[in-house]
Amino acid sequence: MNKEKIGILHRHWIWADKIKLLLQKEISVADLHEFNEKNFSNLIITPYGIYMFIWYGLLFVVLEGLKQEKIIIPDIDNEIEEIYESLRLFRNAVFHIQNQY
């Protein structure tokens, strides 16, 4: 992997990490007990929900980059495989218009 690809991957990691920090800040002030299955759609339009979905989408992009470059992080490789498909779906939901709400 050349330096430019490492830089691009690192940039996406920084973006994801900054959004995660905003999410953590929202978690500290959010009242998540008010949300349940019936009003879940309300959660996704709160700052908490927005940051969560964007973070998951950006995190997938980083994992996808690692996979494309055949970079394996042994300590977390199993965890990456467990969440990879779910994060892909989040990325799709955030960055691609879906047929259903």
Protein backbone atom coordinates (compact mmCIF):
# COMPACT_ATOMS: atom_id res chain seq x y z
CA MET A 1 0.00 0.00 0.00
CA ASN A 2 1.42 3.38 -0.92
CA LYS A 3 1.51 6.48 1.30
CA GLU A 4 -1.39 8.14 -0.51
CA LYS A 5 -3.72 5.17 0.10
CA ILE A 6 -2.68 5.09 3.75
CA GLY A 7 -3.44 8.80 3.98
CA ILE A 8 -6.86 8.40 2.38
CA LEU A 9 -7.75 5.52 4.69
CA HIS A 10 -6.52 7.52 7.68
CA ARG A 11 -8.60 10.53 6.60
CA HIS A 12 -11.74 8.39 6.57
CA TRP A 13 -10.80 6.97 9.97
CA ILE A 14 -10.43 10.54 11.32
CA TRP A 15 -13.85 11.50 9.94
CA ALA A 16 -15.44 8.42 11.51
CA ASP A 17 -13.71 9.06 14.82
CA LYS A 18 -14.85 12.70 14.94
CA ILE A 19 -18.45 11.65 14.34
CA LYS A 20 -18.07 8.99 17.06
CA LEU A 21 -16.97 11.71 19.50
CA LEU A 22 -20.07 13.75 18.63
CA LEU A 23 -22.19 10.62 19.16
CA GLN A 24 -20.61 10.01 22.56
CA LYS A 25 -21.37 13.60 23.54
CA GLU A 26 -25.01 13.12 22.49
CA ILE A 27 -25.24 9.83 24.38
CA SER A 28 -24.23 11.65 27.54
CA VAL A 29 -27.21 14.03 27.27
CA ALA A 30 -29.81 11.97 25.37
CA ASP A 31 -32.81 10.35 27.05
CA LEU A 32 -32.82 7.08 25.13
CA HIS A 33 -35.46 5.50 27.37
CA GLU A 34 -38.16 7.39 25.49
CA PHE A 35 -37.55 5.38 22.31
CA ASN A 36 -39.00 1.96 21.59
CA GLU A 37 -40.02 -0.06 18.52
CA LYS A 38 -43.18 2.02 18.00
CA ASN A 39 -41.37 5.35 17.78
CA PHE A 40 -37.95 4.24 16.52
CA SER A 41 -38.32 6.53 13.51
CA ASN A 42 -38.17 9.47 15.95
CA LEU A 43 -34.74 8.32 17.13
CA ILE A 44 -33.19 8.48 13.68
CA ILE A 45 -33.93 12.21 13.35
CA THR A 46 -32.32 13.16 16.67
CA PRO A 47 -28.67 14.24 16.84
CA TYR A 48 -27.97 10.91 18.57
CA GLY A 49 -29.53 8.88 15.77
CA ILE A 50 -28.00 10.97 13.01
CA TYR A 51 -24.48 10.69 14.45
CA MET A 52 -24.92 6.97 15.07
CA PHE A 53 -25.97 6.23 11.48
CA ILE A 54 -23.28 8.43 9.95
CA TRP A 55 -20.60 6.92 12.22
CA TYR A 56 -21.65 3.39 11.28
CA GLY A 57 -21.60 4.31 7.58
CA LEU A 58 -18.16 5.89 7.80
CA LEU A 59 -16.81 3.04 9.89
CA PHE A 60 -17.89 0.61 7.17
CA VAL A 61 -15.98 2.64 4.58
CA VAL A 62 -12.82 2.28 6.70
CA LEU A 63 -13.36 -1.47 7.08
CA GLU A 64 -14.05 -1.78 3.37
CA GLY A 65 -10.77 0.02 2.65
CA LEU A 66 -8.90 -2.35 4.95
CA LYS A 67 -10.47 -5.31 3.19
CA GLN A 68 -9.68 -3.98 -0.30
CA GLU A 69 -6.06 -3.40 0.67
CA LYS A 70 -5.91 -6.83 2.33
CA ILE A 71 -4.96 -5.30 5.67
CA ILE A 72 -5.72 -7.62 8.58
CA ILE A 73 -5.69 -6.48 12.19
CA PRO A 74 -5.44 -9.84 14.00
CA ASP A 75 -6.67 -8.58 17.39
CA ILE A 76 -10.02 -7.42 15.98
CA ASP A 77 -10.40 -9.39 12.74
CA ASN A 78 -13.15 -11.65 14.15
CA GLU A 79 -15.11 -8.63 15.41
CA ILE A 80 -14.76 -6.91 12.04
CA GLU A 81 -16.17 -9.97 10.28
CA GLU A 82 -19.09 -10.12 12.72
CA ILE A 83 -20.20 -6.52 12.11
CA TYR A 84 -19.10 -6.03 8.49
CA GLU A 85 -22.41 -6.87 6.80
CA SER A 86 -24.51 -4.91 9.30
CA LEU A 87 -22.31 -1.86 8.83
CA ARG A 88 -22.60 -2.25 5.06
CA LEU A 89 -26.37 -2.04 5.38
CA PHE A 90 -26.05 1.07 7.56
CA ARG A 91 -23.75 2.65 4.97
CA ASN A 92 -26.27 1.87 2.25
CA ALA A 93 -29.14 3.30 4.29
CA VAL A 94 -27.23 6.51 5.02
CA PHE A 95 -25.58 7.19 1.68
CA HIS A 96 -28.07 5.67 -0.77
CA ILE A 97 -31.77 6.49 -1.08
CA GLN A 98 -33.79 3.42 -0.06
CA ASN A 99 -37.08 2.18 -1.54
CA GLN A 100 -38.75 2.07 1.88
CA TYR A 101 -38.61 4.47 4.82
